[in-house]
Protein backbone atom coordinates (compact mmCIF):
# COMPACT_ATOMS: atom_id res chain seq x y z
CA MET A 1 0.00 0.00 0.00
CA ASP A 2 0.96 3.68 -0.40
CA LYS A 3 3.32 3.50 -3.36
CA VAL A 4 4.76 7.01 -3.73
CA ILE A 5 5.73 7.89 -7.30
CA GLN A 6 7.50 11.13 -8.14
CA LEU A 7 5.85 12.71 -11.19
CA LYS A 8 9.02 13.89 -12.92
CA ASP A 9 7.13 15.03 -16.03
CA TRP A 10 5.13 17.55 -13.93
CA PRO A 11 6.68 20.96 -13.18
CA GLN A 12 8.62 20.62 -9.94
CA PRO A 13 8.55 23.35 -7.27
CA THR A 14 11.62 25.35 -6.42
CA VAL A 15 12.82 25.60 -2.81
CA VAL A 16 11.09 28.97 -2.38
CA ALA A 17 7.96 28.04 -4.34
CA GLU A 18 5.55 30.44 -2.59
CA PRO A 19 2.57 28.10 -3.04
CA ALA A 20 -0.99 29.37 -2.96
CA VAL A 21 -4.15 27.25 -2.87
CA CYS A 22 -7.69 28.34 -3.68
CA THR A 23 -10.90 26.38 -3.76
CA VAL A 24 -13.86 27.41 -5.88
CA GLY A 25 -16.80 25.02 -5.66
CA ASN A 26 -15.37 21.57 -6.29
CA SER A 27 -12.20 22.90 -7.94
CA LEU A 28 -8.84 23.25 -6.28
CA VAL A 29 -6.34 25.63 -7.88
CA LEU A 30 -2.66 25.50 -6.93
CA ARG A 31 0.00 28.03 -7.88
CA TYR A 32 3.76 27.77 -7.25
CA ASN A 33 7.15 28.76 -8.63
CA THR A 34 9.13 26.13 -10.48
CA GLN A 35 12.78 25.15 -10.57
CA ASP A 36 13.22 26.88 -13.95
CA ASP A 37 11.81 30.27 -12.80
CA ALA A 38 8.35 29.72 -14.27
CA VAL A 39 5.03 29.87 -12.44
CA VAL A 40 2.74 26.87 -12.65
CA ILE A 41 -0.99 26.83 -12.04
CA ILE A 42 -2.62 23.43 -11.64
CA THR A 43 -6.39 23.06 -11.55
CA PHE A 44 -8.04 19.95 -10.17
CA PRO A 45 -11.65 20.36 -11.37
CA MET A 46 -13.05 17.78 -8.95
CA ALA A 47 -11.11 17.93 -5.69
CA TYR A 48 -12.58 15.46 -3.22
CA VAL A 49 -10.54 16.42 -0.12
CA PHE A 50 -7.25 18.20 0.60
CA THR A 51 -4.88 19.28 3.35
CA PHE A 52 -2.42 22.18 3.15
CA GLY A 53 0.08 22.84 5.90
CA ALA A 54 2.43 20.66 7.93
CA PRO A 55 4.88 19.12 7.49
CA ASN A 56 7.48 21.57 6.19
CA ASP A 57 10.73 20.39 4.62
CA GLU A 58 12.50 20.05 7.98
CA ALA A 59 9.82 17.64 9.25
CA LEU A 60 9.05 15.81 5.98
CA GLY A 61 10.64 12.63 7.36
CA GLY A 62 7.84 12.55 9.95
CA HIS A 63 5.15 12.36 7.25
CA PRO A 64 3.49 8.91 7.24
CA LEU A 65 4.81 8.40 3.68
CA GLY A 66 8.27 9.85 4.38
CA LYS A 67 9.87 6.41 4.18
CA ASN A 68 7.88 5.45 1.06
CA GLY A 69 9.80 7.68 -1.35
CA LEU A 70 8.45 11.14 -0.61
CA GLN A 71 10.97 13.68 -1.96
CA PHE A 72 11.67 17.30 -1.07
CA TYR A 73 10.27 20.02 -3.39
CA SER A 74 8.50 17.54 -5.63
CA VAL A 75 5.19 16.41 -7.08
CA HIS A 76 4.01 12.87 -6.28
CA ARG A 77 1.15 10.47 -6.93
CA VAL A 78 0.33 7.82 -4.37
CA ASP A 79 -0.88 4.54 -5.82
CA GLU A 80 -2.80 2.13 -3.58
CA SER A 81 -3.43 5.04 -1.22
CA SER A 82 -4.39 4.19 2.35
CA TRP A 83 -5.99 7.65 2.59
CA ILE A 84 -8.36 6.80 -0.27
CA GLN A 85 -9.09 3.44 1.38
CA GLU A 86 -9.93 5.26 4.63
CA LEU A 87 -12.28 7.62 2.77
CA ALA A 88 -13.98 4.62 1.17
CA ARG A 89 -14.40 3.01 4.60
CA ARG A 90 -15.99 6.20 5.93
CA ASN A 91 -18.31 6.42 2.93
CA SER A 92 -19.32 2.75 3.20
CA ILE A 93 -22.23 3.59 5.51
CA HIS A 94 -23.93 5.44 2.64
CA PRO A 95 -26.93 3.33 1.50
CA ARG A 96 -25.81 3.42 -2.15
CA HIS A 97 -22.06 3.05 -1.53
CA ASP A 98 -20.33 1.06 -4.27
CA GLN A 99 -16.73 0.36 -3.27
CA SER A 100 -15.33 -0.18 -6.77
CA ARG A 101 -17.10 2.88 -8.15
CA PHE A 102 -15.95 5.00 -5.20
CA LEU A 103 -12.31 3.99 -5.68
CA ALA A 104 -12.31 4.11 -9.49
CA GLU A 105 -11.80 7.83 -10.04
CA LYS A 106 -9.79 8.91 -6.97
CA VAL A 107 -6.13 9.92 -7.32
CA HIS A 108 -3.92 10.92 -4.38
CA TYR A 109 -1.36 13.71 -5.03
CA ILE A 110 1.31 15.16 -2.74
CA PHE A 111 3.19 18.40 -3.40
CA THR A 112 6.12 19.03 -1.05
CA PHE A 113 7.17 22.65 -0.53
CA GLN A 114 9.61 24.36 1.81
CA ASP A 115 7.11 25.49 4.43
CA GLN A 116 4.13 23.23 3.79
CA THR A 117 2.79 20.16 2.03
CA LEU A 118 -0.33 19.91 -0.11
CA GLU A 119 -2.09 16.57 -0.26
CA CYS A 120 -5.23 16.16 -2.28
CA ILE A 121 -7.51 13.45 -3.47
CA ALA A 122 -8.84 14.41 -6.88
CA MET A 123 -11.55 12.71 -8.83
CA GLU A 124 -10.35 12.04 -12.35
CA GLY A 125 -12.43 10.75 -15.20
CA GLN A 126 -13.17 11.41 -18.83
CA PHE A 127 -14.20 15.01 -18.12
CA TRP A 128 -12.16 15.73 -14.97
CA LYS A 129 -8.42 15.81 -15.44
CA PRO A 130 -5.84 18.09 -13.86
CA GLU A 131 -4.96 21.06 -16.04
CA ILE A 132 -1.36 22.29 -15.85
CA VAL A 133 -0.50 25.76 -17.15
CA VAL A 134 3.10 27.00 -17.05
CA SER A 135 3.70 30.76 -17.31
CA LYS A 136 7.07 32.37 -17.93
CA THR A 137 6.05 35.69 -16.36
CA GLY A 138 4.39 36.63 -13.09
CA ASP A 139 1.95 38.98 -14.86
CA GLU A 140 0.76 36.20 -17.15
CA ALA A 141 0.42 33.87 -14.15
CA ASP A 142 -1.55 36.53 -12.25
CA GLU A 143 -4.04 36.82 -15.11
CA ILE A 144 -4.45 33.04 -15.35
CA TRP A 145 -4.84 32.80 -11.56
CA ARG A 146 -7.57 35.46 -11.53
CA THR A 147 -9.38 33.67 -14.35
CA LYS A 148 -9.14 30.27 -12.62
CA ILE A 149 -10.38 31.46 -9.24
CA GLY A 150 -13.09 33.70 -10.70
CA ALA A 151 -12.69 37.34 -9.76
CA GLU A 152 -16.37 37.72 -8.75
CA GLN A 153 -16.92 34.32 -7.13
CA PRO A 154 -16.72 33.81 -3.37
CA ARG A 155 -13.53 31.96 -2.53
CA ARG A 156 -11.26 30.87 0.25
CA THR A 157 -7.60 31.44 -0.48
CA LEU A 158 -4.82 29.96 1.60
CA ARG A 159 -1.54 31.69 1.07
CA ARG A 160 1.79 31.31 2.74
């Protein structure tokens, strides 16, 4: 269980990534600086659950998956996720719970930053896939960010 896989083809955060997370409805939008001085904005259109905060890089070894291959300043996917299994167990009391259907579209991601870690379970299917946009300038990233979070929509932004 809990096979941590570094997603090397995804843009990796720099040490001082300055991550920001915003939720709008079911969407989770993440912004951070990359190792090649770009700004990446990732949208998960169907975020099921997420945590953003501890551990920081100095305490990453204390993360439950620290010994399973979790890397500093990196993007990961967790296959055979015990967190997803726990969510399925919790949902099993629902009268129409279908275990295989519940598990089928859930993907566990972990983003490790200097001062915090983002973990999210995203639902992915034919119409719900993460969208990754890489901007070379901060102004371009700001415009994309405003578009993604909806300037007029109520939102909750968590920023470092």
